[in-house]
Amino acid sequence: MLGVFERLALAAGREVMRVFDAGCAVDQKSDSSPVTAADRQSEKIILDGLRAAFPYIPCVAEEEASAGIVPPDLDDAFFLVDPLDGTKEFVNRRTDFTVNIALVRHGVPEIGVVFAPCTGRFFSGRPGRAETIEVSGDYQIIGRRPISVRTGVTPLTVVASRSHNTPETEAYIRTVGAAEIVSVGSSLKFCLVASAEADVYPRFGRTMEWDTAAGDAVLRAAGGITCTLDGEPLTYGKRNQIDDEDFANPHFIASGKVAGLRDG
């Protein structure tokens, strides 16, 4: 399954970069967020591939969900797809947008890939092993090596959202005494923690499950964890929520081996 994810992410990333280089119109969805041809075409590549390879596993994808297309029953396992995480970065000609594919089983992100086609950074995770993958200019895998989280010591390196920073995030960063703050878009924030390039990623802004599942899977495979503010692991497949829409996440803290952050 991870091999299928990797191949589809590379194919989708190639198409995303074709649109990026050619330029495209930017439309607005009902929630005022941007969407482009790159989002739609990447999602089609991924969903066609997943449904052909695993027809028995339901798919939840950002653009289909925005159009009201969601499986009625997710069963014990389902795919979460964000075909272009960081559309604002894409539109603004920045480089840190990603393609994200994840398998969620019993509420846990178990397998995931995150591919940043503009920079070539590629991460994968499955239970017990996370990797960074080297990709050639023609979108072929030419190498890989294992990654794992580091043991954080104060002062910490914190990754924060470039497009969605909040006062709560700033206040949290002050409480952990961060020495360095790395601002980056999309799900790469999880991957920087997973690859021992940062220690913690606090998110006090809005996210949806397809934004986080793939990066969270990589982080957990690398020995990290993503927890809600009450210290419980972030779960997936959230529907019929009393105070929010389906698949919306609460605020969370993603971290490596940092004392005091995993117990709330």
C-alpha atoms as a PDB file:
ATOM      1  CA  MET A   1       0.000   0.000   0.000  1.00  0.00           C
ATOM      2  CA  LEU A   2       2.794   2.442   0.843  1.00  0.00           C
ATOM      3  CA  GLY A   3       4.317   1.784  -2.582  1.00  0.00           C
ATOM      4  CA  VAL A   4       1.012   2.707  -4.231  1.00  0.00           C
ATOM      5  CA  PHE A   5       0.857   5.887  -2.142  1.00  0.00           C
ATOM      6  CA  GLU A   6       4.365   6.842  -3.211  1.00  0.00           C
ATOM      7  CA  ARG A   7       3.673   6.282  -6.906  1.00  0.00           C
ATOM      8  CA  LEU A   8       0.428   8.249  -6.808  1.00  0.00           C
ATOM      9  CA  ALA A   9       2.016  11.132  -4.883  1.00  0.00           C
ATOM     10  CA  LEU A  10       4.776  11.381  -7.489  1.00  0.00           C
ATOM     11  CA  ALA A  11       2.273  11.305 -10.365  1.00  0.00           C
ATOM     12  CA  ALA A  12       0.088  13.909  -8.694  1.00  0.00           C
ATOM     13  CA  GLY A  13       3.120  16.046  -7.872  1.00  0.00           C
ATOM     14  CA  ARG A  14       4.199  16.004 -11.504  1.00  0.00           C
ATOM     15  CA  GLU A  15       0.767  17.295 -12.534  1.00  0.00           C
ATOM     16  CA  VAL A  16       0.771  19.933  -9.793  1.00  0.00           C
ATOM     17  CA  MET A  17       4.102  21.247 -11.074  1.00  0.00           C
ATOM     18  CA  ARG A  18       2.840  21.271 -14.671  1.00  0.00           C
ATOM     19  CA  VAL A  19      -0.007  23.549 -13.600  1.00  0.00           C
ATOM     20  CA  PHE A  20       2.319  25.605 -11.367  1.00  0.00           C
ATOM     21  CA  ASP A  21       4.703  26.261 -14.262  1.00  0.00           C
ATOM     22  CA  ALA A  22       1.932  27.016 -16.757  1.00  0.00           C
ATOM     23  CA  GLY A  23      -0.141  29.181 -14.417  1.00  0.00           C
ATOM     24  CA  CYS A  24      -3.844  28.814 -13.733  1.00  0.00           C
ATOM     25  CA  ALA A  25      -6.937  30.611 -12.534  1.00  0.00           C
ATOM     26  CA  VAL A  26      -7.789  30.676  -8.833  1.00  0.00           C
ATOM     27  CA  ASP A  27     -11.385  30.002  -7.815  1.00  0.00           C
ATOM     28  CA  GLN A  28     -13.037  30.419  -4.425  1.00  0.00           C
ATOM     29  CA  LYS A  29     -14.837  27.618  -2.610  1.00  0.00           C
ATOM     30  CA  SER A  30     -17.907  28.172  -0.460  1.00  0.00           C
ATOM     31  CA  ASP A  31     -15.692  28.668   2.613  1.00  0.00           C
ATOM     32  CA  SER A  32     -13.704  31.356   0.722  1.00  0.00           C
ATOM     33  CA  SER A  33     -10.586  29.180   0.524  1.00  0.00           C
ATOM     34  CA  PRO A  34      -8.791  29.053  -2.847  1.00  0.00           C
ATOM     35  CA  VAL A  35      -8.922  26.118  -5.250  1.00  0.00           C
ATOM     36  CA  THR A  36      -7.132  25.613  -8.563  1.00  0.00           C
ATOM     37  CA  ALA A  37      -6.894  23.175 -11.436  1.00  0.00           C
ATOM     38  CA  ALA A  38      -3.880  21.693  -9.655  1.00  0.00           C
ATOM     39  CA  ASP A  39      -6.056  20.716  -6.658  1.00  0.00           C
ATOM     40  CA  ARG A  40      -8.669  19.095  -8.874  1.00  0.00           C
ATOM     41  CA  GLN A  41      -6.353  17.267 -11.234  1.00  0.00           C
ATOM     42  CA  SER A  42      -4.095  16.008  -8.429  1.00  0.00           C
ATOM     43  CA  GLU A  43      -7.131  14.687  -6.569  1.00  0.00           C
ATOM     44  CA  LYS A  44      -8.396  12.858  -9.661  1.00  0.00           C
ATOM     45  CA  ILE A  45      -5.034  11.122 -10.163  1.00  0.00           C
ATOM     46  CA  ILE A  46      -4.900  10.016  -6.531  1.00  0.00           C
ATOM     47  CA  LEU A  47      -8.519   8.901  -6.199  1.00  0.00           C
ATOM     48  CA  ASP A  48      -8.514   7.017  -9.506  1.00  0.00           C
ATOM     49  CA  GLY A  49      -5.380   5.175  -8.368  1.00  0.00           C
ATOM     50  CA  LEU A  50      -6.615   4.404  -4.862  1.00  0.00           C
ATOM     51  CA  ARG A  51     -10.015   3.201  -6.043  1.00  0.00           C
ATOM     52  CA  ALA A  52      -8.457   0.967  -8.676  1.00  0.00           C
ATOM     53  CA  ALA A  53      -5.967  -0.586  -6.237  1.00  0.00           C
ATOM     54  CA  PHE A  54      -8.176  -0.734  -3.129  1.00  0.00           C
ATOM     55  CA  PRO A  55     -11.838  -0.618  -4.216  1.00  0.00           C
ATOM     56  CA  TYR A  56     -13.036  -1.821  -0.830  1.00  0.00           C
ATOM     57  CA  ILE A  57     -11.540   1.087   1.155  1.00  0.00           C
ATOM     58  CA  PRO A  58     -13.552   4.343   1.195  1.00  0.00           C
ATOM     59  CA  CYS A  59     -11.874   7.646   0.329  1.00  0.00           C
ATOM     60  CA  VAL A  60     -12.341  11.057   1.913  1.00  0.00           C
ATOM     61  CA  ALA A  61     -10.728  13.793  -0.188  1.00  0.00           C
ATOM     62  CA  GLU A  62     -10.778  17.550   0.273  1.00  0.00           C
ATOM     63  CA  GLU A  63     -12.308  18.628  -3.022  1.00  0.00           C
ATOM     64  CA  GLU A  64     -14.895  15.844  -3.078  1.00  0.00           C
ATOM     65  CA  ALA A  65     -15.822  16.675   0.527  1.00  0.00           C
ATOM     66  CA  SER A  66     -16.189  20.356  -0.431  1.00  0.00           C
ATOM     67  CA  ALA A  67     -18.662  19.224  -3.094  1.00  0.00           C
ATOM     68  CA  GLY A  68     -20.586  17.141  -0.561  1.00  0.00           C
ATOM     69  CA  ILE A  69     -19.228  13.789  -1.751  1.00  0.00           C
ATOM     70  CA  VAL A  70     -18.371  11.731   1.337  1.00  0.00           C
ATOM     71  CA  PRO A  71     -18.760   7.983   1.938  1.00  0.00           C
ATOM     72  CA  PRO A  72     -21.740   7.258   4.190  1.00  0.00           C
ATOM     73  CA  ASP A  73     -19.777   4.653   6.146  1.00  0.00           C
ATOM     74  CA  LEU A  74     -16.035   4.806   6.786  1.00  0.00           C
ATOM     75  CA  ASP A  75     -15.802   1.314   8.298  1.00  0.00           C
ATOM     76  CA  ASP A  76     -12.622   0.530  10.252  1.00  0.00           C
ATOM     77  CA  ALA A  77     -10.234   1.944   7.643  1.00  0.00           C
ATOM     78  CA  PHE A  78     -10.394   4.756   5.098  1.00  0.00           C
ATOM     79  CA  PHE A  79      -8.142   6.980   3.025  1.00  0.00           C
ATOM     80  CA  LEU A  80      -7.692  10.704   3.660  1.00  0.00           C
ATOM     81  CA  VAL A  81      -6.415  12.755   0.718  1.00  0.00           C
ATOM     82  CA  ASP A  82      -5.327  16.361   0.438  1.00  0.00           C
ATOM     83  CA  PRO A  83      -4.287  16.708  -3.197  1.00  0.00           C
ATOM     84  CA  LEU A  84      -2.658  20.112  -2.676  1.00  0.00           C
ATOM     85  CA  ASP A  85      -2.036  21.147   0.912  1.00  0.00           C
ATOM     86  CA  GLY A  86      -0.886  24.739   0.980  1.00  0.00           C
ATOM     87  CA  THR A  87      -2.929  26.093  -1.910  1.00  0.00           C
ATOM     88  CA  LYS A  88      -2.223  29.609  -0.636  1.00  0.00           C
ATOM     89  CA  GLU A  89       1.509  28.903  -0.942  1.00  0.00           C
ATOM     90  CA  PHE A  90       0.918  27.506  -4.442  1.00  0.00           C
ATOM     91  CA  VAL A  91      -1.056  30.577  -5.511  1.00  0.00           C
ATOM     92  CA  ASN A  92       1.548  32.938  -4.047  1.00  0.00           C
ATOM     93  CA  ARG A  93       4.350  31.117  -5.903  1.00  0.00           C
ATOM     94  CA  ARG A  94       5.983  29.771  -2.756  1.00  0.00           C
ATOM     95  CA  THR A  95       7.524  26.314  -2.683  1.00  0.00           C
ATOM     96  CA  ASP A  96       6.199  24.526   0.408  1.00  0.00           C
ATOM     97  CA  PHE A  97       2.931  23.049  -0.857  1.00  0.00           C
ATOM     98  CA  THR A  98       2.457  19.285  -0.657  1.00  0.00           C
ATOM     99  CA  VAL A  99       0.551  16.252  -1.886  1.00  0.00           C
ATOM    100  CA  ASN A 100      -0.807  14.155   0.998  1.00  0.00           C
ATOM    101  CA  ILE A 101      -2.201  10.613   1.126  1.00  0.00           C
ATOM    102  CA  ALA A 102      -2.972   8.676   4.321  1.00  0.00           C
ATOM    103  CA  LEU A 103      -4.618   5.508   5.535  1.00  0.00           C
ATOM    104  CA  VAL A 104      -6.532   5.824   8.790  1.00  0.00           C
ATOM    105  CA  ARG A 105      -7.318   2.640  10.708  1.00  0.00           C
ATOM    106  CA  HIS A 106      -9.456   2.664  13.864  1.00  0.00           C
ATOM    107  CA  GLY A 107      -9.041   6.435  14.106  1.00  0.00           C
ATOM    108  CA  VAL A 108      -5.229   6.361  13.871  1.00  0.00           C
ATOM    109  CA  PRO A 109      -3.209   7.644  10.886  1.00  0.00           C
ATOM    110  CA  GLU A 110      -1.275   4.469  10.105  1.00  0.00           C
ATOM    111  CA  ILE A 111       0.361   4.971   6.696  1.00  0.00           C
ATOM    112  CA  GLY A 112       1.121   8.269   5.003  1.00  0.00           C
ATOM    113  CA  VAL A 113       3.141  10.111   2.377  1.00  0.00           C
ATOM    114  CA  VAL A 114       3.899  13.816   2.052  1.00  0.00           C
ATOM    115  CA  PHE A 115       5.478  15.040  -1.191  1.00  0.00           C
ATOM    116  CA  ALA A 116       6.557  18.642  -1.826  1.00  0.00           C
ATOM    117  CA  PRO A 117       7.006  18.607  -5.610  1.00  0.00           C
ATOM    118  CA  CYS A 118       8.498  22.071  -5.902  1.00  0.00           C
ATOM    119  CA  THR A 119      11.433  21.267  -3.602  1.00  0.00           C
ATOM    120  CA  GLY A 120      11.537  17.497  -4.068  1.00  0.00           C
ATOM    121  CA  ARG A 121      11.168  16.770  -0.358  1.00  0.00           C
ATOM    122  CA  PHE A 122       9.349  13.479   0.125  1.00  0.00           C
ATOM    123  CA  PHE A 123       8.459  11.699   3.370  1.00  0.00           C
ATOM    124  CA  SER A 124       6.726   8.396   4.066  1.00  0.00           C
ATOM    125  CA  GLY A 125       5.643   6.570   7.185  1.00  0.00           C
ATOM    126  CA  ARG A 126       4.264   3.190   8.169  1.00  0.00           C
ATOM    127  CA  PRO A 127       4.131   1.553  11.602  1.00  0.00           C
ATOM    128  CA  GLY A 128       7.646   1.418  12.981  1.00  0.00           C
ATOM    129  CA  ARG A 129       9.448   3.137  10.104  1.00  0.00           C
ATOM    130  CA  ALA A 130       9.554   6.652   8.669  1.00  0.00           C
ATOM    131  CA  GLU A 131      11.727   7.663   5.737  1.00  0.00           C
ATOM    132  CA  THR A 132      12.855  10.632   3.734  1.00  0.00           C
ATOM    133  CA  ILE A 133      12.961   9.805   0.046  1.00  0.00           C
ATOM    134  CA  GLU A 134      15.246  11.203  -2.627  1.00  0.00           C
ATOM    135  CA  VAL A 135      13.513  11.962  -5.926  1.00  0.00           C
ATOM    136  CA  SER A 136      15.126  12.598  -9.324  1.00  0.00           C
ATOM    137  CA  GLY A 137      14.171  15.413 -11.662  1.00  0.00           C
ATOM    138  CA  ASP A 138      11.937  13.031 -13.615  1.00  0.00           C
ATOM    139  CA  TYR A 139       9.999  11.973 -10.496  1.00  0.00           C
ATOM    140  CA  GLN A 140      11.718   8.655  -9.865  1.00  0.00           C
ATOM    141  CA  ILE A 141      12.735   7.427  -6.409  1.00  0.00           C
ATOM    142  CA  ILE A 142      16.522   7.131  -6.314  1.00  0.00           C
ATOM    143  CA  GLY A 143      17.191   6.742  -2.597  1.00  0.00           C
ATOM    144  CA  ARG A 144      15.711   6.645   0.878  1.00  0.00           C
ATOM    145  CA  ARG A 145      16.875   6.719   4.462  1.00  0.00           C
ATOM    146  CA  PRO A 146      15.155   6.264   7.809  1.00  0.00           C
ATOM    147  CA  ILE A 147      14.283   9.239   9.997  1.00  0.00           C
ATOM    148  CA  SER A 148      13.254   9.579  13.629  1.00  0.00           C
ATOM    149  CA  VAL A 149      12.369  12.354  16.021  1.00  0.00           C
ATOM    150  CA  ARG A 150      14.995  13.803  18.315  1.00  0.00           C
ATOM    151  CA  THR A 151      14.967  14.344  22.036  1.00  0.00           C
ATOM    152  CA  GLY A 152      14.207  18.018  22.419  1.00  0.00           C
ATOM    153  CA  VAL A 153      16.032  20.141  24.949  1.00  0.00           C
ATOM    154  CA  THR A 154      15.234  23.706  25.919  1.00  0.00           C
ATOM    155  CA  PRO A 155      15.318  25.988  24.059  1.00  0.00           C
ATOM    156  CA  LEU A 156      13.255  24.215  21.437  1.00  0.00           C
ATOM    157  CA  THR A 157      12.863  24.655  17.705  1.00  0.00           C
ATOM    158  CA  VAL A 158       9.204  25.318  16.892  1.00  0.00           C
ATOM    159  CA  VAL A 159       7.590  25.098  13.471  1.00  0.00           C
ATOM    160  CA  ALA A 160       4.656  27.417  12.899  1.00  0.00           C
ATOM    161  CA  SER A 161       2.207  28.045  10.090  1.00  0.00           C
ATOM    162  CA  ARG A 162       3.226  30.677   7.579  1.00  0.00           C
ATOM    163  CA  SER A 163      -0.313  31.519   6.467  1.00  0.00           C
ATOM    164  CA  HIS A 164      -2.324  30.775   9.613  1.00  0.00           C
ATOM    165  CA  ASN A 165      -0.436  32.061  12.636  1.00  0.00           C
ATOM    166  CA  THR A 166      -2.523  33.112  15.655  1.00  0.00           C
ATOM    167  CA  PRO A 167      -2.060  34.968  18.956  1.00  0.00           C
ATOM    168  CA  GLU A 168      -2.550  31.641  20.755  1.00  0.00           C
ATOM    169  CA  THR A 169       0.362  30.178  18.809  1.00  0.00           C
ATOM    170  CA  GLU A 170       2.546  33.119  19.719  1.00  0.00           C
ATOM    171  CA  ALA A 171       1.611  32.767  23.390  1.00  0.00           C
ATOM    172  CA  TYR A 172       2.391  29.037  23.341  1.00  0.00           C
ATOM    173  CA  ILE A 173       5.765  29.624  21.733  1.00  0.00           C
ATOM    174  CA  ARG A 174       6.661  32.024  24.555  1.00  0.00           C
ATOM    175  CA  THR A 175       5.798  29.393  27.167  1.00  0.00           C
ATOM    176  CA  VAL A 176       8.206  26.783  25.745  1.00  0.00           C
ATOM    177  CA  GLY A 177      11.115  29.175  25.405  1.00  0.00           C
ATOM    178  CA  ALA A 178      11.768  28.598  21.723  1.00  0.00           C
ATOM    179  CA  ALA A 179      15.234  29.427  20.467  1.00  0.00           C
ATOM    180  CA  GLU A 180      14.254  29.181  16.822  1.00  0.00           C
ATOM    181  CA  ILE A 181      10.951  29.501  15.041  1.00  0.00           C
ATOM    182  CA  VAL A 182      10.737  27.974  11.575  1.00  0.00           C
ATOM    183  CA  SER A 183       7.811  29.259   9.511  1.00  0.00           C
ATOM    184  CA  VAL A 184       6.652  26.875   6.810  1.00  0.00           C
ATOM    185  CA  GLY A 185       3.430  26.052   5.026  1.00  0.00           C
ATOM    186  CA  SER A 186       1.458  22.836   4.668  1.00  0.00           C
ATOM    187  CA  SER A 187       2.023  19.431   6.269  1.00  0.00           C
ATOM    188  CA  LEU A 188       5.802  19.807   6.016  1.00  0.00           C
ATOM    189  CA  LYS A 189       5.629  21.047   9.614  1.00  0.00           C
ATOM    190  CA  PHE A 190       4.918  17.504  10.831  1.00  0.00           C
ATOM    191  CA  CYS A 191       7.751  16.190   8.681  1.00  0.00           C
ATOM    192  CA  LEU A 192      10.304  18.633  10.060  1.00  0.00           C
ATOM    193  CA  VAL A 193       9.548  17.308  13.539  1.00  0.00           C
ATOM    194  CA  ALA A 194       9.649  13.717  12.250  1.00  0.00           C
ATOM    195  CA  SER A 195      13.069  14.241  10.643  1.00  0.00           C
ATOM    196  CA  ALA A 196      14.626  15.838  13.759  1.00  0.00           C
ATOM    197  CA  GLU A 197      14.791  19.285  12.162  1.00  0.00           C
ATOM    198  CA  ALA A 198      12.386  20.706  14.761  1.00  0.00           C
ATOM    199  CA  ASP A 199      10.904  19.715  18.114  1.00  0.00           C
ATOM    200  CA  VAL A 200       7.293  20.824  18.222  1.00  0.00           C
ATOM    201  CA  TYR A 201       4.488  22.053  15.973  1.00  0.00           C
ATOM    202  CA  PRO A 202       1.640  23.780  17.834  1.00  0.00           C
ATOM    203  CA  ARG A 203      -1.546  24.420  15.877  1.00  0.00           C
ATOM    204  CA  PHE A 204      -4.145  26.750  17.356  1.00  0.00           C
ATOM    205  CA  GLY A 205      -5.808  27.551  14.031  1.00  0.00           C
ATOM    206  CA  ARG A 206      -8.363  25.603  12.064  1.00  0.00           C
ATOM    207  CA  THR A 207      -7.403  22.391  10.264  1.00  0.00           C
ATOM    208  CA  MET A 208      -9.294  19.539   8.699  1.00  0.00           C
ATOM    209  CA  GLU A 209      -8.327  15.891   8.931  1.00  0.00           C
ATOM    210  CA  TRP A 210      -7.075  15.723   5.323  1.00  0.00           C
ATOM    211  CA  ASP A 211      -4.675  18.583   6.191  1.00  0.00           C
ATOM    212  CA  THR A 212      -2.992  16.597   8.942  1.00  0.00           C
ATOM    213  CA  ALA A 213      -3.396  12.824   8.495  1.00  0.00           C
ATOM    214  CA  ALA A 214      -0.448  12.111   6.178  1.00  0.00           C
ATOM    215  CA  GLY A 215       2.029  14.282   8.075  1.00  0.00           C
ATOM    216  CA  ASP A 216       0.757  12.899  11.374  1.00  0.00           C
ATOM    217  CA  ALA A 217       1.286   9.346  10.088  1.00  0.00           C
ATOM    218  CA  VAL A 218       4.893  10.186   9.188  1.00  0.00           C
ATOM    219  CA  LEU A 219       5.449  11.786  12.598  1.00  0.00           C
ATOM    220  CA  ARG A 220       4.031   8.822  14.528  1.00  0.00           C
ATOM    221  CA  ALA A 221       6.086   6.392  12.438  1.00  0.00           C
ATOM    222  CA  ALA A 222       9.171   8.442  13.373  1.00  0.00           C
ATOM    223  CA  GLY A 223       8.421   8.160  17.099  1.00  0.00           C
ATOM    224  CA  GLY A 224       6.453  11.365  17.618  1.00  0.00           C
ATOM    225  CA  ILE A 225       2.830  12.038  18.521  1.00  0.00           C
ATOM    226  CA  THR A 226       0.074  14.548  17.894  1.00  0.00           C
ATOM    227  CA  CYS A 227      -2.135  15.327  20.887  1.00  0.00           C
ATOM    228  CA  THR A 228      -5.097  17.552  21.583  1.00  0.00           C
ATOM    229  CA  LEU A 229      -4.739  20.211  24.248  1.00  0.00           C
ATOM    230  CA  ASP A 230      -6.017  17.781  26.887  1.00  0.00           C
ATOM    231  CA  GLY A 231      -3.129  15.420  26.128  1.00  0.00           C
ATOM    232  CA  GLU A 232      -5.081  12.772  24.219  1.00  0.00           C
ATOM    233  CA  PRO A 233      -3.847  11.517  20.814  1.00  0.00           C
ATOM    234  CA  LEU A 234      -5.557  13.258  17.900  1.00  0.00           C
ATOM    235  CA  THR A 235      -8.090  10.903  16.308  1.00  0.00           C
ATOM    236  CA  TYR A 236      -9.508  10.724  12.792  1.00  0.00           C
ATOM    237  CA  GLY A 237     -12.898   9.996  11.291  1.00  0.00           C
ATOM    238  CA  LYS A 238     -14.655  12.570  13.477  1.00  0.00           C
ATOM    239  CA  ARG A 239     -18.267  12.926  12.381  1.00  0.00           C
ATOM    240  CA  ASN A 240     -21.447  14.304  13.924  1.00  0.00           C
ATOM    241  CA  GLN A 241     -19.435  16.628  16.150  1.00  0.00           C
ATOM    242  CA  ILE A 242     -21.554  18.729  18.456  1.00  0.00           C
ATOM    243  CA  ASP A 243     -19.611  21.956  18.016  1.00  0.00           C
ATOM    244  CA  ASP A 244     -17.993  21.590  14.588  1.00  0.00           C
ATOM    245  CA  GLU A 245     -18.391  20.086  11.124  1.00  0.00           C
ATOM    246  CA  ASP A 246     -17.373  16.600  10.073  1.00  0.00           C
ATOM    247  CA  PHE A 247     -13.619  15.962   9.888  1.00  0.00           C
ATOM    248  CA  ALA A 248     -12.671  19.222  11.607  1.00  0.00           C
ATOM    249  CA  ASN A 249      -9.751  18.998  14.040  1.00  0.00           C
ATOM    250  CA  PRO A 250      -9.447  20.598  17.458  1.00  0.00           C
ATOM    251  CA  HIS A 251      -6.289  22.511  18.331  1.00  0.00           C
ATOM    252  CA  PHE A 252      -3.285  20.242  18.776  1.00  0.00           C
ATOM    253  CA  ILE A 253       0.415  19.938  19.606  1.00  0.00           C
ATOM    254  CA  ALA A 254       2.612  17.703  17.422  1.00  0.00           C
ATOM    255  CA  SER A 255       5.934  16.842  19.015  1.00  0.00           C
ATOM    256  CA  GLY A 256       8.929  14.575  19.106  1.00  0.00           C
ATOM    257  CA  LYS A 257      10.474  13.413  22.393  1.00  0.00           C
ATOM    258  CA  VAL A 258       9.908  16.591  24.355  1.00  0.00           C
ATOM    259  CA  ALA A 259       9.448  16.370  28.119  1.00  0.00           C
ATOM    260  CA  GLY A 260       6.223  17.889  29.361  1.00  0.00           C
ATOM    261  CA  LEU A 261       4.454  18.040  25.997  1.00  0.00           C
ATOM    262  CA  ARG A 262       3.001  14.536  25.815  1.00  0.00           C
ATOM    263  CA  ASP A 263       1.189  14.609  29.102  1.00  0.00           C
ATOM    264  CA  GLY A 264      -0.840  17.773  28.495  1.00  0.00           C
END
